[in-house]
Amino acid sequence: MRLAVRLLPSPRPPAAWRQLAAQMVHFFAIMLWVAGVLAFVADMPQLGIAIFVVVVVALATIRPLRLLLTPKGLKRRRVKRAALHHLKAAHLVAEQGVVVIFASDQERMVTVVADEALHLKAGDAAWDGAVAAVLSGIKGGDPTSGFVAAIDLCGAYLAEHFPARGPRRNGLSDRLLED
């Protein structure tokens, strides 16, 4: 059995507090803060409140804060959609028996998706075990062992439901791919 691993590194953004501080002391932010205070001094509280609401909305665009405020269900759907995208791409080079183990660092979620034929034969329990293996490795401080265990589980299901039938052409590159 041949496996392809694709690593999608995500550069670490600056800490949320640094991004927040940078946004709060930006030239235009300072102008808005001053305008808000002047609106209250000039006895125009509605304008002052409106200005401060604009500042708060602008601060909510900072990615770590957006991720913190995003509902878990929406994060789960986004991760699943990204995994399905990679599953469709893998189908361009493989006919059947495709499994994608997708881990999103920023959302801190893992999902496993498989093509329809394999999913119907193996069921959700197979993929839940692979997700649990990855999460166990990550929580234990050794994500590599978690991915290896998940690959072993998925490989066992692939071998059981789609056994090899002689030599096949390797449609995926054996080199490490990084985006």
Foldseek 3Di string as FASTA:
>chain_A
DDDADEDEDDDDDPDLVVVLVCLCPPPVNVVLQVVLVVCVVVVNNVVSVVSVVVSVVVSCVPVLNVLVPDDLVVLVVVQVVVQVVVQVVVCVQDPALDKGWTADPSNRAIFIDGDPVLCVVPDPVLGVVLRVLQVVCVVVVHNPRSNVVSCVSSVVSCCVPPNDDDDDDDRDDPDHHYD
